[in-house]
Amino acid sequence: MKQRCVLVLLLGAVLAVAQAPDNSKTNQRDRDDRSATADQQKMSKADTDLVRKIRQAVVADKSLSVYAHNVKIIAQDGQVTLRGPVRTNAERDSIQQKAATIAGEDKIANQLEVAPPKSN
């Protein structure tokens, strides 16, 4: 019985690793000097307040997916960059609208990407 439990646990671990997402291409893209990343955000009060307000608006919208709730929001001197995967065009547009309402329409760089549907 003990050996069977160990085998099941090992098999589960192998399956979990096999299904882990591969973000290699995204990570390579993020190393590009022209791409805004969170570590480039200055710690100015105005920028951190801006990000906080946008993040709160996004997380408060329970109709958005977990993907959408976890997008990157980067502010640099009042300019906001939105990055990461979302599930639908509607989510992408909703997040952009929330950010534009808070920061201003001309202050948003929307780099959100619609992720392909999960395959079973």
C-alpha atoms as a PDB file:
ATOM      1  CA  MET A   1       0.000   0.000   0.000  1.00  0.00           C
ATOM      2  CA  LYS A   2       2.822   2.386   0.926  1.00  0.00           C
ATOM      3  CA  GLN A   3       4.602   1.741  -2.396  1.00  0.00           C
ATOM      4  CA  ARG A   4       1.376   2.409  -4.312  1.00  0.00           C
ATOM      5  CA  CYS A   5       0.946   5.783  -2.540  1.00  0.00           C
ATOM      6  CA  VAL A   6       4.536   6.763  -3.357  1.00  0.00           C
ATOM      7  CA  LEU A   7       4.037   5.752  -6.994  1.00  0.00           C
ATOM      8  CA  VAL A   8       0.841   7.822  -7.224  1.00  0.00           C
ATOM      9  CA  LEU A   9       2.587  10.833  -5.678  1.00  0.00           C
ATOM     10  CA  LEU A  10       5.524  10.520  -8.079  1.00  0.00           C
ATOM     11  CA  LEU A  11       3.206  10.180 -11.063  1.00  0.00           C
ATOM     12  CA  GLY A  12       1.292  13.269  -9.931  1.00  0.00           C
ATOM     13  CA  ALA A  13       4.527  15.243  -9.622  1.00  0.00           C
ATOM     14  CA  VAL A  14       5.637  14.187 -13.104  1.00  0.00           C
ATOM     15  CA  LEU A  15       2.284  15.244 -14.587  1.00  0.00           C
ATOM     16  CA  ALA A  16       2.414  18.591 -12.788  1.00  0.00           C
ATOM     17  CA  VAL A  17       5.890  19.292 -14.167  1.00  0.00           C
ATOM     18  CA  ALA A  18       4.859  18.197 -17.652  1.00  0.00           C
ATOM     19  CA  GLN A  19       1.961  20.672 -17.624  1.00  0.00           C
ATOM     20  CA  ALA A  20       3.950  23.613 -16.225  1.00  0.00           C
ATOM     21  CA  PRO A  21       3.727  26.669 -18.470  1.00  0.00           C
ATOM     22  CA  ASP A  22       6.755  27.622 -20.519  1.00  0.00           C
ATOM     23  CA  ASN A  23       7.280  31.373 -20.309  1.00  0.00           C
ATOM     24  CA  SER A  24      10.670  31.348 -22.044  1.00  0.00           C
ATOM     25  CA  LYS A  25       9.560  33.472 -25.003  1.00  0.00           C
ATOM     26  CA  THR A  26       7.825  35.989 -22.760  1.00  0.00           C
ATOM     27  CA  ASN A  27      10.860  36.200 -20.496  1.00  0.00           C
ATOM     28  CA  GLN A  28      13.156  36.773 -23.488  1.00  0.00           C
ATOM     29  CA  ARG A  29      10.842  39.512 -24.776  1.00  0.00           C
ATOM     30  CA  ASP A  30      10.858  41.161 -21.346  1.00  0.00           C
ATOM     31  CA  ARG A  31      14.650  41.416 -21.415  1.00  0.00           C
ATOM     32  CA  ASP A  32      14.405  43.775 -24.387  1.00  0.00           C
ATOM     33  CA  ASP A  33      15.595  47.250 -23.320  1.00  0.00           C
ATOM     34  CA  ARG A  34      12.526  48.839 -24.925  1.00  0.00           C
ATOM     35  CA  SER A  35      10.065  46.805 -22.834  1.00  0.00           C
ATOM     36  CA  ALA A  36       8.839  48.269 -19.559  1.00  0.00           C
ATOM     37  CA  THR A  37       9.242  45.930 -16.611  1.00  0.00           C
ATOM     38  CA  ALA A  38       8.202  46.315 -12.982  1.00  0.00           C
ATOM     39  CA  ASP A  39      11.795  46.678 -11.785  1.00  0.00           C
ATOM     40  CA  GLN A  40      12.139  49.843 -13.893  1.00  0.00           C
ATOM     41  CA  GLN A  41       9.301  51.572 -12.069  1.00  0.00           C
ATOM     42  CA  LYS A  42      10.470  54.451  -9.956  1.00  0.00           C
ATOM     43  CA  MET A  43       9.364  54.535  -6.365  1.00  0.00           C
ATOM     44  CA  SER A  44       7.832  57.987  -6.595  1.00  0.00           C
ATOM     45  CA  LYS A  45       4.678  58.428  -4.547  1.00  0.00           C
ATOM     46  CA  ALA A  46       2.721  59.509  -7.631  1.00  0.00           C
ATOM     47  CA  ASP A  47       3.658  56.388  -9.615  1.00  0.00           C
ATOM     48  CA  THR A  48       3.061  53.955  -6.743  1.00  0.00           C
ATOM     49  CA  ASP A  49      -0.311  55.595  -5.988  1.00  0.00           C
ATOM     50  CA  LEU A  50      -1.252  55.353  -9.660  1.00  0.00           C
ATOM     51  CA  VAL A  51      -0.407  51.644  -9.813  1.00  0.00           C
ATOM     52  CA  ARG A  52      -2.228  51.008  -6.522  1.00  0.00           C
ATOM     53  CA  LYS A  53      -5.428  52.678  -7.751  1.00  0.00           C
ATOM     54  CA  ILE A  54      -5.397  50.809 -11.056  1.00  0.00           C
ATOM     55  CA  ARG A  55      -4.636  47.470  -9.359  1.00  0.00           C
ATOM     56  CA  GLN A  56      -7.506  48.019  -6.909  1.00  0.00           C
ATOM     57  CA  ALA A  57      -9.908  48.751  -9.780  1.00  0.00           C
ATOM     58  CA  VAL A  58      -8.813  45.629 -11.658  1.00  0.00           C
ATOM     59  CA  VAL A  59      -8.989  43.310  -8.646  1.00  0.00           C
ATOM     60  CA  ALA A  60     -12.374  44.728  -7.582  1.00  0.00           C
ATOM     61  CA  ASP A  61     -13.872  43.580 -10.899  1.00  0.00           C
ATOM     62  CA  LYS A  62     -14.838  39.994 -10.065  1.00  0.00           C
ATOM     63  CA  SER A  63     -15.943  39.351 -13.652  1.00  0.00           C
ATOM     64  CA  LEU A  64     -12.279  39.306 -14.725  1.00  0.00           C
ATOM     65  CA  SER A  65     -10.241  36.095 -14.836  1.00  0.00           C
ATOM     66  CA  VAL A  66      -7.313  35.300 -12.577  1.00  0.00           C
ATOM     67  CA  TYR A  67      -5.093  36.071 -15.568  1.00  0.00           C
ATOM     68  CA  ALA A  68      -6.577  39.566 -15.782  1.00  0.00           C
ATOM     69  CA  HIS A  69      -6.261  40.138 -12.047  1.00  0.00           C
ATOM     70  CA  ASN A  70      -2.535  39.397 -12.313  1.00  0.00           C
ATOM     71  CA  VAL A  71      -1.497  41.611 -15.226  1.00  0.00           C
ATOM     72  CA  LYS A  72       1.580  43.759 -14.803  1.00  0.00           C
ATOM     73  CA  ILE A  73       0.868  47.443 -14.199  1.00  0.00           C
ATOM     74  CA  ILE A  74       3.978  49.583 -14.532  1.00  0.00           C
ATOM     75  CA  ALA A  75       4.052  53.355 -14.036  1.00  0.00           C
ATOM     76  CA  GLN A  76       6.983  55.548 -15.053  1.00  0.00           C
ATOM     77  CA  ASP A  77       6.556  59.300 -14.629  1.00  0.00           C
ATOM     78  CA  GLY A  78       2.765  59.006 -14.986  1.00  0.00           C
ATOM     79  CA  GLN A  79       2.923  56.791 -18.093  1.00  0.00           C
ATOM     80  CA  VAL A  80       1.282  53.404 -17.474  1.00  0.00           C
ATOM     81  CA  THR A  81       2.190  50.181 -19.265  1.00  0.00           C
ATOM     82  CA  LEU A  82      -0.163  47.203 -19.044  1.00  0.00           C
ATOM     83  CA  ARG A  83       1.434  43.826 -19.787  1.00  0.00           C
ATOM     84  CA  GLY A  84       0.597  40.177 -19.517  1.00  0.00           C
ATOM     85  CA  PRO A  85      -1.992  37.653 -20.629  1.00  0.00           C
ATOM     86  CA  VAL A  86      -5.759  38.013 -20.340  1.00  0.00           C
ATOM     87  CA  ARG A  87      -8.447  35.573 -21.446  1.00  0.00           C
ATOM     88  CA  THR A  88     -10.485  37.721 -23.856  1.00  0.00           C
ATOM     89  CA  ASN A  89     -10.499  40.937 -25.848  1.00  0.00           C
ATOM     90  CA  ALA A  90     -13.234  42.174 -23.499  1.00  0.00           C
ATOM     91  CA  GLU A  91     -10.895  41.733 -20.507  1.00  0.00           C
ATOM     92  CA  ARG A  92      -8.119  43.565 -22.327  1.00  0.00           C
ATOM     93  CA  ASP A  93     -10.464  46.446 -23.129  1.00  0.00           C
ATOM     94  CA  SER A  94     -11.914  46.525 -19.611  1.00  0.00           C
ATOM     95  CA  ILE A  95      -8.487  46.801 -17.987  1.00  0.00           C
ATOM     96  CA  GLN A  96      -7.413  49.490 -20.426  1.00  0.00           C
ATOM     97  CA  GLN A  97     -10.578  51.475 -19.687  1.00  0.00           C
ATOM     98  CA  LYS A  98     -10.035  51.212 -15.919  1.00  0.00           C
ATOM     99  CA  ALA A  99      -6.439  52.391 -16.291  1.00  0.00           C
ATOM    100  CA  ALA A 100      -7.417  55.218 -18.656  1.00  0.00           C
ATOM    101  CA  THR A 101     -10.106  56.437 -16.277  1.00  0.00           C
ATOM    102  CA  ILE A 102      -7.518  56.702 -13.505  1.00  0.00           C
ATOM    103  CA  ALA A 103      -4.372  57.798 -15.376  1.00  0.00           C
ATOM    104  CA  GLY A 104      -5.769  59.434 -18.515  1.00  0.00           C
ATOM    105  CA  GLU A 105      -6.464  58.028 -21.966  1.00  0.00           C
ATOM    106  CA  ASP A 106      -3.188  59.282 -23.457  1.00  0.00           C
ATOM    107  CA  LYS A 107      -1.092  57.832 -20.610  1.00  0.00           C
ATOM    108  CA  ILE A 108      -1.723  54.134 -21.305  1.00  0.00           C
ATOM    109  CA  ALA A 109       0.427  51.711 -23.311  1.00  0.00           C
ATOM    110  CA  ASN A 110      -1.700  48.591 -23.622  1.00  0.00           C
ATOM    111  CA  GLN A 111       0.528  45.567 -24.257  1.00  0.00           C
ATOM    112  CA  LEU A 112      -1.957  43.028 -22.888  1.00  0.00           C
ATOM    113  CA  GLU A 113      -2.181  39.806 -24.890  1.00  0.00           C
ATOM    114  CA  VAL A 114      -5.141  37.479 -25.235  1.00  0.00           C
ATOM    115  CA  ALA A 115      -3.939  34.048 -24.131  1.00  0.00           C
ATOM    116  CA  PRO A 116      -4.986  31.043 -26.172  1.00  0.00           C
ATOM    117  CA  PRO A 117      -7.708  28.938 -24.538  1.00  0.00           C
ATOM    118  CA  LYS A 118      -6.578  26.166 -22.224  1.00  0.00           C
ATOM    119  CA  SER A 119      -6.419  22.778 -23.903  1.00  0.00           C
ATOM    120  CA  ASN A 120      -7.493  19.736 -21.958  1.00  0.00           C
END
